[in-house]
């Protein structure tokens, strides 16, 4: 902000106004689709939008309610009510702040791509499914089932009750939303569709359901701040969905920030972004809002229209506030089928079907992860999908690390780590009766059996065994325990062990856990050159003892 001037402010002002207008129908639609009143979506876009821009780690991030949250929010409201949603969002906010303070931002944004595409595509399918009733204007009194398969069974049984006016409005909304940018890229197609359909329904008194007929007036004021009081049992049950909100919010916001970086050539601060998102999700529910995160589409709209600093996001929130205060009463005239059409377009844009199809060119394990996450999101629920997705992410990471770590037995020659280019420098010859166990990569519980596998390659029993560790970046407690057992087993076979080249952190772990004492500090060498010298000394000593016995 040091170089902020009138020209930059003008760019931010124009972008903020346009993004505010774009966000209006989306905020209302996301609120309704989430199972709450439309003003809660607006409140979220205003308060969270302001706080995420003001406190986050991205210059141009636009925050608010997003399609990704519809599934989880609807499920929480259905099971625990609005009070449960408020508490879950508060808990998620504190979790996000904790993630930022613990500097987990850099880790979260590297969630495996198949998992992200899997649950994003799954959310898109669920959102699309949830809008069929309003899109077709199905005139059915009973509630739509929440389960995916039961929901489609319900639709098939009631497709004979289509409201053709509602369907026409829904199709018109989709067509205008998709093709309007070819006419004018500044004014969003969703707004044009909303204005035209609302005017048509009002003027011609069309027999379709509107926001007003379902929810009544949209309040033009914020409710007083309040925090529901709930019992311990309910709090405990809300921890899992709160964790889902936090993880989904973190992933979505950091992905949005990364997309913005690519478009602007900037670099966001991921941990600051998580803290900003957390604060927004703590404050917003106190005023009746729902979960919020960074919105990729609105962020890109901000960038395309000249937004350069957080001021644009703040202006977007103020524009929404003014609309709510002075024009909110007219929102009750908006037809529900128009909002359903907007959400159908949102679902299509979220589906990432090209990325989904493209992943089928990858390995079988990645395809399995993609399909598992997708199906869990659609058929079970997003909470299970996120938790299982994280477990899969950990397992994939462990597998990749295990695949990159190996223990090789060398008994001819090794590279000289002192050389400037060890790979091209002359090799160091390993004396007879000496062998080198080279460990390459992290030495942790996942590779604990690699020493046993390597020992099976040994055909001739050596007198000296050098364990070379200079390519081991870290070692955990299981690795230390496994190494200690291997050394004891080696010594029991009459073989002397020499440790070579552990990095500082690994050396400290070995010393603390008694490895140095076990092999003798004189047998711990800084590099392979010294280790081979030590092996030579031990061989000379062994020869001398042999001659003495003779």
Protein backbone atom coordinates (compact mmCIF):
# COMPACT_ATOMS: atom_id res chain seq x y z
CA UNK A 1 0.00 0.00 0.00
CA UNK A 2 3.07 2.25 0.17
CA UNK A 3 2.76 3.25 -3.48
CA UNK A 4 -1.05 3.31 -3.52
CA UNK A 5 -2.37 6.16 -5.67
CA UNK A 6 -5.55 7.45 -7.30
CA UNK A 7 -5.01 5.39 -10.46
CA UNK A 8 -4.76 2.16 -8.46
CA UNK A 9 -7.79 3.12 -6.40
CA UNK A 10 -9.83 3.75 -9.56
CA UNK A 11 -8.92 0.27 -10.86
CA UNK A 12 -9.83 -1.27 -7.50
CA UNK A 13 -13.09 0.68 -7.35
CA UNK A 14 -14.27 -0.47 -10.79
CA UNK A 15 -13.25 -4.08 -10.10
CA UNK A 16 -14.88 -4.04 -6.65
CA UNK A 17 -18.20 -2.74 -8.00
CA UNK A 18 -18.28 -5.34 -10.79
CA UNK A 19 -17.34 -8.22 -8.46
CA UNK A 20 -19.96 -7.05 -5.95
CA UNK A 21 -22.63 -7.23 -8.66
CA UNK A 22 -21.35 -10.67 -9.78
CA UNK A 23 -21.41 -11.92 -6.18
CA UNK A 24 -25.01 -10.80 -5.48
CA UNK A 25 -26.96 -13.64 -7.21
CA UNK A 26 -24.31 -16.18 -6.19
CA UNK A 27 -24.47 -15.21 -2.50
CA UNK A 28 -28.28 -15.55 -2.51
CA UNK A 29 -28.17 -18.82 -4.48
CA UNK A 30 -25.48 -20.38 -2.28
CA UNK A 31 -27.38 -19.40 0.86
CA UNK A 32 -30.62 -21.00 -0.35
CA UNK A 33 -28.88 -24.11 -1.75
CA UNK A 34 -27.13 -24.57 1.60
CA UNK A 35 -30.47 -24.92 3.33
CA UNK A 36 -30.51 -21.49 5.02
CA UNK A 37 -32.28 -18.19 4.27
CA UNK A 38 -30.98 -16.03 1.37
CA UNK A 39 -29.90 -13.14 3.65
CA UNK A 40 -27.44 -15.48 5.39
CA UNK A 41 -25.65 -15.88 2.06
CA UNK A 42 -25.53 -12.09 1.67
CA UNK A 43 -24.31 -11.57 5.25
CA UNK A 44 -21.52 -14.08 4.59
CA UNK A 45 -20.45 -12.37 1.36
CA UNK A 46 -20.38 -8.98 3.11
CA UNK A 47 -18.62 -9.79 6.41
CA UNK A 48 -16.38 -12.64 5.26
CA UNK A 49 -15.67 -10.88 1.96
CA UNK A 50 -14.46 -7.80 3.85
CA UNK A 51 -12.35 -9.72 6.40
CA UNK A 52 -10.75 -12.13 3.90
CA UNK A 53 -9.62 -9.22 1.72
CA UNK A 54 -8.47 -7.11 4.67
CA UNK A 55 -6.63 -9.81 6.64
CA UNK A 56 -5.72 -12.56 4.14
CA UNK A 57 -2.41 -13.28 2.47
CA UNK A 58 -3.45 -12.65 -1.15
CA UNK A 59 -3.70 -9.23 -2.77
CA UNK A 60 -6.75 -9.99 -4.89
CA UNK A 61 -8.57 -12.84 -3.15
CA UNK A 62 -12.36 -12.46 -3.08
CA UNK A 63 -14.00 -14.40 -0.28
CA UNK A 64 -17.54 -15.42 0.50
CA UNK A 65 -19.88 -18.41 0.33
CA UNK A 66 -18.94 -20.87 -2.40
CA UNK A 67 -20.45 -23.85 -4.15
CA UNK A 68 -17.94 -26.18 -2.48
CA UNK A 69 -19.61 -25.61 0.90
CA UNK A 70 -23.20 -26.26 -0.23
CA UNK A 71 -23.04 -30.01 0.35
CA UNK A 72 -21.48 -29.94 3.81
CA UNK A 73 -23.53 -26.93 5.03
CA UNK A 74 -26.80 -28.49 3.87
CA UNK A 75 -25.93 -31.72 5.70
CA UNK A 76 -25.07 -29.89 8.94
CA UNK A 77 -28.26 -27.81 8.86
CA UNK A 78 -30.35 -30.92 8.16
CA UNK A 79 -28.80 -32.81 11.07
CA UNK A 80 -27.96 -30.13 13.67
CA UNK A 81 -29.97 -27.07 12.60
CA UNK A 82 -28.68 -23.53 12.02
CA UNK A 83 -27.32 -23.37 15.59
CA UNK A 84 -25.17 -26.42 14.88
CA UNK A 85 -23.92 -24.81 11.66
CA UNK A 86 -22.91 -21.62 13.52
CA UNK A 87 -20.94 -23.62 16.11
CA UNK A 88 -19.31 -25.84 13.44
CA UNK A 89 -18.24 -22.75 11.47
CA UNK A 90 -16.78 -21.15 14.61
CA UNK A 91 -14.79 -24.32 15.38
CA UNK A 92 -13.59 -24.45 11.76
CA UNK A 93 -12.50 -20.81 12.03
CA UNK A 94 -10.32 -21.56 15.04
CA UNK A 95 -8.92 -24.63 13.24
CA UNK A 96 -7.95 -22.47 10.25
CA UNK A 97 -6.23 -19.92 12.49
CA UNK A 98 -4.38 -22.80 14.17
CA UNK A 99 -3.29 -24.19 10.78
CA UNK A 100 -1.93 -20.78 9.83
CA UNK A 101 -0.08 -20.30 13.12
CA UNK A 102 1.42 -23.80 12.80
CA UNK A 103 2.51 -22.85 9.25
CA UNK A 104 0.61 -25.70 7.59
CA UNK A 105 -0.36 -23.57 4.59
CA UNK A 106 2.56 -24.74 2.45
CA UNK A 107 1.63 -28.39 3.14
CA UNK A 108 -2.13 -28.13 2.52
CA UNK A 109 -1.77 -26.58 -0.92
CA UNK A 110 0.15 -29.65 -2.09
CA UNK A 111 -2.85 -31.95 -1.65
CA UNK A 112 -2.62 -34.62 -4.41
CA UNK A 113 -4.35 -33.44 -7.56
CA UNK A 114 -6.54 -36.57 -8.07
CA UNK A 115 -8.05 -36.05 -4.61
CA UNK A 116 -8.81 -32.37 -5.24
CA UNK A 117 -10.37 -33.12 -8.65
CA UNK A 118 -12.26 -36.10 -7.18
CA UNK A 119 -14.08 -34.25 -4.46
CA UNK A 120 -14.49 -31.05 -6.53
CA UNK A 121 -16.19 -33.02 -9.33
CA UNK A 122 -18.22 -34.90 -6.73
CA UNK A 123 -19.42 -31.63 -5.18
CA UNK A 124 -20.43 -30.41 -8.65
CA UNK A 125 -22.54 -33.53 -9.23
CA UNK A 126 -24.22 -33.14 -5.82
CA UNK A 127 -24.94 -29.42 -6.43
CA UNK A 128 -26.43 -30.21 -9.84
CA UNK A 129 -28.58 -32.94 -8.30
CA UNK A 130 -29.84 -30.63 -5.57
CA UNK A 131 -31.14 -28.07 -8.11
CA UNK A 132 -33.30 -30.37 -10.26
CA UNK A 133 -36.49 -29.74 -8.28
CA UNK A 134 -36.28 -25.94 -8.60
CA UNK A 135 -34.88 -26.03 -12.15
CA UNK A 136 -37.86 -28.05 -13.39
CA UNK A 137 -40.26 -26.44 -10.93
CA UNK A 138 -41.47 -29.83 -9.72
CA UNK A 139 -44.72 -29.23 -7.88
CA UNK A 140 -44.26 -31.73 -5.05
CA UNK A 141 -45.15 -31.03 -1.42
CA UNK A 142 -42.86 -33.61 0.19
CA UNK A 143 -39.18 -32.77 0.82
CA UNK A 144 -36.45 -34.01 -1.51
CA UNK A 145 -34.43 -36.87 0.07
CA UNK A 146 -30.84 -35.96 0.96
CA UNK A 147 -29.28 -39.26 -0.22
CA UNK A 148 -28.03 -39.13 -3.81
CA UNK A 149 -29.65 -42.33 -5.13
CA UNK A 150 -32.94 -41.72 -3.29
CA UNK A 151 -32.97 -38.15 -4.60
CA UNK A 152 -32.81 -39.27 -8.24
CA UNK A 153 -35.41 -41.93 -7.60
CA UNK A 154 -37.65 -39.14 -6.23
CA UNK A 155 -37.04 -37.01 -9.35
CA UNK A 156 -37.86 -39.86 -11.74
CA UNK A 157 -41.12 -40.57 -9.91
CA UNK A 158 -42.21 -36.91 -10.05
CA UNK A 159 -41.05 -35.74 -13.49
CA UNK A 160 -44.69 -35.70 -14.58
CA UNK A 161 -45.18 -32.58 -12.42
CA UNK A 162 -42.83 -30.24 -14.32
CA UNK A 163 -43.66 -26.51 -14.31
CA UNK A 164 -42.88 -25.51 -17.89
CA UNK A 165 -42.59 -21.81 -17.03
CA UNK A 166 -39.97 -22.62 -14.38
CA UNK A 167 -38.10 -24.91 -16.77
CA UNK A 168 -38.07 -22.17 -19.45
CA UNK A 169 -36.66 -19.68 -16.92
CA UNK A 170 -33.99 -22.18 -15.83
CA UNK A 171 -32.91 -22.95 -19.41
CA UNK A 172 -32.93 -19.23 -20.29
CA UNK A 173 -30.72 -18.50 -17.28
CA UNK A 174 -28.20 -21.17 -18.29
CA UNK A 175 -28.07 -19.99 -21.92
CA UNK A 176 -27.64 -16.30 -20.99
CA UNK A 177 -25.03 -17.10 -18.29
CA UNK A 178 -22.98 -19.11 -20.78
CA UNK A 179 -23.26 -16.92 -23.90
CA UNK A 180 -23.61 -13.38 -22.51
CA UNK A 181 -19.80 -12.91 -22.08
CA UNK A 182 -19.57 -12.96 -25.91
CA UNK A 183 -21.72 -9.81 -25.87
CA UNK A 184 -20.25 -8.03 -22.84
CA UNK A 185 -17.56 -9.33 -20.49
CA UNK A 186 -17.91 -6.55 -17.91
CA UNK A 187 -21.54 -7.18 -16.92
CA UNK A 188 -22.08 -10.77 -15.70
CA UNK A 189 -24.55 -12.94 -17.59
CA UNK A 190 -26.00 -14.25 -14.33
CA UNK A 191 -27.09 -10.71 -13.40
CA UNK A 192 -28.67 -10.13 -16.83
CA UNK A 193 -30.58 -13.43 -16.57
CA UNK A 194 -31.68 -12.61 -13.03
CA UNK A 195 -32.98 -9.14 -13.97
CA UNK A 196 -34.83 -10.32 -17.11
CA UNK A 197 -36.45 -13.37 -15.48
CA UNK A 198 -37.42 -11.44 -12.34
CA UNK A 199 -39.00 -8.69 -14.46
CA UNK A 200 -40.84 -11.26 -16.61
CA UNK A 201 -42.20 -13.18 -13.62
CA UNK A 202 -43.35 -9.95 -11.90
CA UNK A 203 -44.86 -8.27 -14.96
CA UNK A 204 -46.65 -11.31 -16.39
CA UNK A 205 -47.42 -12.79 -12.95
CA UNK A 206 -46.03 -16.16 -14.02
CA UNK A 207 -46.98 -19.13 -11.80
CA UNK A 208 -43.48 -19.97 -10.52
CA UNK A 209 -41.99 -20.11 -7.06
CA UNK A 210 -39.95 -17.06 -5.98
CA UNK A 211 -37.70 -16.27 -3.04
CA UNK A 212 -40.59 -14.34 -1.48
CA UNK A 213 -43.11 -17.18 -1.83
CA UNK A 214 -40.69 -19.59 -0.13
CA UNK A 215 -38.81 -17.41 2.38
CA UNK A 216 -40.77 -14.17 2.62
CA UNK A 217 -39.01 -10.80 2.82
CA UNK A 218 -35.20 -10.62 2.72
CA UNK A 219 -34.19 -8.64 5.80
CA UNK A 220 -32.17 -5.51 5.08
CA UNK A 221 -30.32 -5.56 8.42
CA UNK A 222 -27.88 -7.78 10.28
CA UNK A 223 -29.15 -9.85 13.20
CA UNK A 224 -27.63 -9.04 16.62
CA UNK A 225 -24.42 -11.01 17.33
CA UNK A 226 -24.96 -14.23 19.23
CA UNK A 227 -23.25 -17.56 19.91
CA UNK A 228 -25.51 -20.58 20.51
CA UNK A 229 -25.00 -22.54 23.72
CA UNK A 230 -24.82 -26.28 23.04
CA UNK A 231 -24.01 -29.34 25.13
CA UNK A 232 -20.75 -31.29 25.08
CA UNK A 233 -22.26 -34.22 23.16
CA UNK A 234 -23.44 -31.99 20.31
CA UNK A 235 -20.09 -30.15 20.33
CA UNK A 236 -18.26 -33.48 20.01
CA UNK A 237 -20.45 -34.54 17.08
CA UNK A 238 -19.77 -31.22 15.31
CA UNK A 239 -15.97 -31.63 15.39
CA UNK A 240 -15.88 -33.89 12.28
CA UNK A 241 -18.00 -31.59 10.05
CA UNK A 242 -16.07 -28.57 11.43
CA UNK A 243 -12.81 -30.23 10.38
CA UNK A 244 -14.30 -30.81 6.91
CA UNK A 245 -15.25 -27.12 6.67
CA UNK A 246 -11.73 -26.11 7.76
CA UNK A 247 -9.94 -28.43 5.33
CA UNK A 248 -12.24 -27.59 2.43
CA UNK A 249 -11.90 -23.86 3.17
CA UNK A 250 -8.11 -24.14 3.38
CA UNK A 251 -7.77 -26.10 0.14
CA UNK A 252 -10.23 -23.91 -1.77
CA UNK A 253 -8.73 -20.60 -0.60
CA UNK A 254 -5.12 -21.64 -1.24
CA UNK A 255 -5.99 -23.00 -4.69
CA UNK A 256 -7.72 -19.71 -5.47
CA UNK A 257 -4.70 -17.75 -4.24
CA UNK A 258 -2.37 -19.88 -6.38
CA UNK A 259 -4.54 -19.32 -9.46
CA UNK A 260 -4.44 -15.57 -8.73
CA UNK A 261 -0.64 -15.71 -8.42
CA UNK A 262 -0.41 -17.35 -11.82
CA UNK A 263 -2.61 -14.68 -13.40
CA UNK A 264 -0.85 -11.69 -11.78
CA UNK A 265 2.72 -12.90 -11.33
CA UNK A 266 2.51 -12.28 -7.56
CA UNK A 267 3.12 -14.53 -4.57
CA UNK A 268 0.60 -14.97 -1.77
CA UNK A 269 1.41 -15.82 1.86
CA UNK A 270 -0.37 -19.10 2.48
CA UNK A 271 -0.21 -19.09 6.30
CA UNK A 272 -1.46 -15.50 6.51
CA UNK A 273 -4.26 -16.47 4.14
CA UNK A 274 -5.31 -19.31 6.46
CA UNK A 275 -5.33 -16.96 9.46
CA UNK A 276 -7.44 -14.42 7.54
CA UNK A 277 -9.85 -17.17 6.45
CA UNK A 278 -10.03 -18.40 10.05
CA UNK A 279 -10.86 -14.96 11.48
CA UNK A 280 -13.55 -14.50 8.81
CA UNK A 281 -15.11 -17.84 9.77
CA UNK A 282 -15.05 -16.90 13.46
CA UNK A 283 -16.69 -13.48 13.05
CA UNK A 284 -19.19 -14.26 10.25
CA UNK A 285 -21.27 -16.97 12.03
CA UNK A 286 -21.69 -14.73 15.08
CA UNK A 287 -23.84 -12.52 12.82
CA UNK A 288 -25.69 -15.47 11.30
CA UNK A 289 -23.41 -16.16 8.33
CA UNK A 290 -22.31 -19.49 6.88
CA UNK A 291 -18.80 -20.84 6.07
CA UNK A 292 -16.73 -18.79 3.63
CA UNK A 293 -13.55 -19.25 1.64
CA UNK A 294 -11.73 -17.84 -1.37
CA UNK A 295 -13.82 -17.99 -4.53
CA UNK A 296 -11.79 -18.74 -7.67
CA UNK A 297 -14.34 -17.39 -10.18
CA UNK A 298 -14.91 -14.12 -8.32
CA UNK A 299 -11.18 -13.71 -7.69
CA UNK A 300 -10.49 -14.10 -11.42
CA UNK A 301 -13.32 -11.63 -12.20
CA UNK A 302 -11.59 -9.19 -9.85
CA UNK A 303 -8.26 -9.62 -11.67
CA UNK A 304 -9.78 -9.38 -15.16
CA UNK A 305 -11.51 -6.12 -14.24
CA UNK A 306 -8.37 -4.46 -12.90
CA UNK A 307 -8.35 -5.32 -9.18
CA UNK A 308 -4.82 -4.90 -7.82
CA UNK A 309 -5.00 -4.71 -4.02
CA UNK A 310 -7.23 -5.86 -1.12
CA UNK A 311 -9.14 -2.58 -1.50
CA UNK A 312 -11.04 -4.13 -4.45
CA UNK A 313 -12.27 -6.97 -2.23
CA UNK A 314 -13.27 -4.53 0.51
CA UNK A 315 -15.22 -2.43 -2.02
CA UNK A 316 -16.96 -5.59 -3.28
CA UNK A 317 -18.18 -6.23 0.29
CA UNK A 318 -19.36 -2.62 0.69
CA UNK A 319 -21.25 -2.80 -2.63
CA UNK A 320 -23.09 -5.89 -1.40
CA UNK A 321 -23.86 -4.13 1.89
CA UNK A 322 -25.42 -1.17 0.05
CA UNK A 323 -27.45 -3.50 -2.17
CA UNK A 324 -28.71 -5.40 0.89
CA UNK A 325 -29.65 -2.19 2.73
CA UNK A 326 -31.40 -0.39 -0.12
CA UNK A 327 -32.45 -3.01 -2.69
CA UNK A 328 -32.78 -6.20 -0.63
CA UNK A 329 -36.57 -5.98 -0.50
CA UNK A 330 -36.73 -6.47 -4.29
CA UNK A 331 -34.77 -9.75 -4.08
CA UNK A 332 -37.92 -11.57 -2.94
CA UNK A 333 -39.18 -11.33 -6.55
CA UNK A 334 -36.32 -13.48 -7.93
CA UNK A 335 -37.65 -16.83 -9.29
CA UNK A 336 -36.19 -19.95 -7.70
CA UNK A 337 -35.70 -21.57 -11.11
CA UNK A 338 -33.40 -18.68 -12.10
CA UNK A 339 -31.22 -19.32 -9.03
CA UNK A 340 -31.27 -23.04 -9.86
CA UNK A 341 -30.06 -22.19 -13.39
CA UNK A 342 -27.21 -20.11 -11.95
CA UNK A 343 -26.19 -23.03 -9.71
CA UNK A 344 -26.33 -25.47 -12.64
CA UNK A 345 -23.76 -23.25 -14.41
CA UNK A 346 -21.70 -23.11 -11.19
CA UNK A 347 -21.83 -26.91 -10.95
CA UNK A 348 -20.68 -27.28 -14.57
CA UNK A 349 -17.76 -24.90 -14.01
CA UNK A 350 -16.81 -26.75 -10.81
CA UNK A 351 -17.01 -30.19 -12.44
CA UNK A 352 -13.57 -29.97 -14.08
CA UNK A 353 -14.68 -32.79 -16.36
CA UNK A 354 -11.72 -32.25 -18.70
CA UNK A 355 -9.27 -32.63 -15.79
CA UNK A 356 -11.30 -35.60 -14.53
CA UNK A 357 -11.11 -37.34 -17.91
CA UNK A 358 -7.44 -36.39 -18.33
CA UNK A 359 -6.48 -38.15 -15.09
CA UNK A 360 -7.47 -41.48 -16.62
CA UNK A 361 -4.19 -41.30 -18.56
CA UNK A 362 -2.26 -41.58 -15.27
CA UNK A 363 -1.33 -44.59 -13.13
CA UNK A 364 -3.93 -47.07 -11.87
CA UNK A 365 -3.36 -45.98 -8.27
CA UNK A 366 -4.13 -42.34 -9.09
CA UNK A 367 -7.25 -43.35 -11.05
CA UNK A 368 -8.37 -45.42 -8.05
CA UNK A 369 -7.84 -42.43 -5.73
CA UNK A 370 -9.78 -40.13 -8.10
CA UNK A 371 -12.77 -42.48 -8.39
CA UNK A 372 -12.81 -43.36 -4.68
CA UNK A 373 -12.86 -39.70 -3.61
CA UNK A 374 -15.48 -38.85 -6.25
CA UNK A 375 -17.82 -41.71 -5.33
CA UNK A 376 -17.48 -41.11 -1.58
CA UNK A 377 -18.39 -37.44 -2.11
CA UNK A 378 -21.43 -38.26 -4.22
CA UNK A 379 -22.81 -41.38 -2.54
CA UNK A 380 -21.74 -41.04 1.13
CA UNK A 381 -20.90 -37.43 2.06
CA UNK A 382 -18.17 -34.82 1.84
CA UNK A 383 -16.98 -35.31 5.44
CA UNK A 384 -16.10 -38.95 4.75
CA UNK A 385 -14.57 -38.01 1.37
CA UNK A 386 -12.32 -35.32 2.91
CA UNK A 387 -11.18 -37.59 5.75
CA UNK A 388 -10.60 -40.54 3.43
CA UNK A 389 -8.96 -38.22 0.90
CA UNK A 390 -6.50 -36.99 3.52
CA UNK A 391 -5.73 -40.58 4.50
CA UNK A 392 -5.14 -41.43 0.84
CA UNK A 393 -2.93 -38.35 0.47
CA UNK A 394 -0.79 -39.50 3.40
CA UNK A 395 -0.56 -43.04 2.04
CA UNK A 396 0.39 -41.77 -1.43
CA UNK A 397 3.04 -39.52 0.09
CA UNK A 398 4.46 -42.40 2.15
CA UNK A 399 4.50 -44.66 -0.89
CA UNK A 400 6.40 -42.06 -2.93
CA UNK A 401 8.92 -41.51 -0.12
CA UNK A 402 9.34 -45.26 0.34
CA UNK A 403 9.90 -45.65 -3.41
CA UNK A 404 12.61 -42.96 -3.35
CA UNK A 405 14.44 -44.45 -0.33
CA UNK A 406 16.69 -47.44 -0.84
CA UNK A 407 19.49 -49.28 0.93
CA UNK A 408 22.18 -50.53 -1.47
CA UNK A 409 25.09 -52.88 -0.65
CA UNK A 410 28.36 -51.78 -2.28
CA UNK A 411 31.63 -53.74 -2.03
CA UNK A 412 33.74 -52.50 -4.97
CA UNK A 413 33.89 -48.67 -5.09
CA UNK A 414 31.91 -45.63 -3.86
CA UNK A 415 31.71 -42.00 -4.93
CA UNK A 416 33.81 -39.41 -3.08
CA UNK A 417 31.45 -37.04 -1.25
CA UNK A 418 34.30 -34.55 -0.71
CA UNK A 419 34.65 -34.01 -4.46
CA UNK A 420 32.93 -31.02 -6.07
CA UNK A 421 31.14 -33.37 -8.50
CA UNK A 422 30.97 -36.75 -6.71
CA UNK A 423 29.26 -38.50 -9.63
CA UNK A 424 32.06 -37.76 -12.13
CA UNK A 425 35.03 -37.79 -9.71
CA UNK A 426 37.24 -40.91 -9.42
CA UNK A 427 35.67 -43.60 -7.21
CA UNK A 428 37.06 -44.64 -3.84
CA UNK A 429 38.09 -48.30 -3.76
CA UNK A 430 36.56 -50.43 -0.99
CA UNK A 431 39.10 -52.87 0.55
CA UNK A 432 38.45 -56.61 0.70
CA UNK A 433 36.42 -57.78 3.71
CA UNK A 434 34.71 -54.35 3.81
CA UNK A 435 31.25 -53.53 2.50
CA UNK A 436 29.23 -50.32 2.44
CA UNK A 437 25.50 -50.07 3.14
CA UNK A 438 24.39 -46.87 1.37
CA UNK A 439 21.10 -45.39 2.57
CA UNK A 440 19.52 -42.92 0.12
CA UNK A 441 16.48 -40.94 1.26
CA UNK A 442 14.51 -40.45 4.49
CA UNK A 443 14.92 -43.28 7.00
CA UNK A 444 11.57 -43.64 8.75
CA UNK A 445 9.00 -46.28 9.73
CA UNK A 446 7.93 -46.80 6.11
CA UNK A 447 11.37 -48.09 5.07
CA UNK A 448 12.28 -49.89 8.29
CA UNK A 449 12.59 -53.30 6.58
CA UNK A 450 14.97 -52.13 3.83
CA UNK A 451 18.11 -53.13 5.80
CA UNK A 452 16.86 -56.71 6.05
CA UNK A 453 16.16 -56.75 2.30
CA UNK A 454 19.64 -55.38 1.58
CA UNK A 455 21.35 -57.89 3.87
CA UNK A 456 19.84 -60.75 1.84
CA UNK A 457 22.03 -59.58 -1.08
CA UNK A 458 25.22 -60.20 0.94
CA UNK A 459 26.90 -63.47 -0.12
CA UNK A 460 30.32 -63.19 1.56
CA UNK A 461 30.54 -62.24 5.22
CA UNK A 462 32.65 -59.05 5.67
CA UNK A 463 34.80 -58.05 8.65
CA UNK A 464 33.80 -54.36 8.49
CA UNK A 465 30.40 -52.94 7.55
CA UNK A 466 30.17 -49.19 6.85
CA UNK A 467 26.68 -47.71 7.12
CA UNK A 468 26.75 -44.58 4.95
CA UNK A 469 24.10 -42.01 5.90
CA UNK A 470 25.10 -38.75 4.23
CA UNK A 471 22.11 -38.90 1.87
CA UNK A 472 19.62 -39.37 4.74
CA UNK A 473 17.86 -36.02 5.43
CA UNK A 474 16.06 -37.28 8.55
CA UNK A 475 15.51 -40.36 10.69
CA UNK A 476 12.56 -41.07 13.00
CA UNK A 477 12.24 -43.20 16.15
CA UNK A 478 11.30 -46.33 14.17
CA UNK A 479 14.29 -45.82 11.89
CA UNK A 480 16.61 -45.45 14.90
CA UNK A 481 15.17 -48.58 16.52
CA UNK A 482 15.54 -50.54 13.30
CA UNK A 483 19.11 -49.29 12.82
CA UNK A 484 20.01 -50.24 16.39
CA UNK A 485 18.60 -53.77 15.94
CA UNK A 486 20.52 -54.14 12.67
CA UNK A 487 23.79 -53.01 14.28
CA UNK A 488 23.36 -55.45 17.20
CA UNK A 489 22.61 -58.27 14.78
CA UNK A 490 25.67 -57.35 12.70
CA UNK A 491 27.94 -57.20 15.75
CA UNK A 492 26.59 -60.55 16.97
CA UNK A 493 27.90 -62.02 13.68
CA UNK A 494 31.41 -60.73 14.48
CA UNK A 495 31.23 -57.76 12.07
CA UNK A 496 32.46 -54.31 13.17
CA UNK A 497 30.14 -51.40 12.29
CA UNK A 498 31.34 -47.96 11.17
CA UNK A 499 28.88 -45.05 10.76
CA UNK A 500 29.67 -42.63 7.91
CA UNK A 501 28.60 -39.03 7.23
CA UNK A 502 25.30 -38.47 9.09
CA UNK A 503 23.96 -34.91 8.69
CA UNK A 504 23.67 -32.83 11.86
CA UNK A 505 20.02 -33.64 12.69
CA UNK A 506 20.52 -37.37 12.04
CA UNK A 507 23.77 -37.38 14.06
CA UNK A 508 21.97 -35.81 17.03
CA UNK A 509 19.22 -38.46 16.88
CA UNK A 510 21.78 -41.27 16.73
CA UNK A 511 23.78 -39.90 19.65
CA UNK A 512 20.69 -39.31 21.82
CA UNK A 513 19.49 -42.87 21.22
CA UNK A 514 22.78 -44.59 22.09
CA UNK A 515 23.91 -45.56 18.56
CA UNK A 516 27.29 -43.86 18.99
CA UNK A 517 27.85 -45.70 22.25
CA UNK A 518 26.83 -48.96 20.62
CA UNK A 519 29.35 -48.75 17.75
CA UNK A 520 31.95 -46.70 19.66
CA UNK A 521 32.51 -42.99 18.99
CA UNK A 522 35.82 -43.82 17.28
CA UNK A 523 33.76 -45.69 14.65
CA UNK A 524 31.63 -42.66 13.76
CA UNK A 525 33.21 -40.78 10.85
CA UNK A 526 32.32 -37.44 9.22
CA UNK A 527 32.53 -38.76 5.63
CA UNK A 528 33.21 -41.88 3.58
CA UNK A 529 36.90 -41.07 3.15
CA UNK A 530 37.45 -41.15 6.92
CA UNK A 531 35.20 -44.21 7.23
CA UNK A 532 37.34 -46.14 4.71
CA UNK A 533 40.51 -45.05 6.56
CA UNK A 534 38.96 -46.30 9.80
CA UNK A 535 38.03 -49.57 8.10
CA UNK A 536 41.66 -49.95 6.96
CA UNK A 537 42.90 -49.45 10.53
CA UNK A 538 40.45 -52.05 11.81
CA UNK A 539 41.59 -54.51 9.15
CA UNK A 540 45.23 -54.00 10.11
CA UNK A 541 44.35 -54.58 13.75
CA UNK A 542 42.44 -57.74 12.81
CA UNK A 543 45.43 -59.04 10.75
CA UNK A 544 47.81 -58.32 13.61
CA UNK A 545 45.58 -60.24 16.01
CA UNK A 546 45.43 -63.13 13.53
CA UNK A 547 49.27 -63.31 13.22
CA UNK A 548 49.62 -63.09 17.00
CA UNK A 549 47.26 -66.05 17.43
CA UNK A 550 49.20 -68.00 14.79
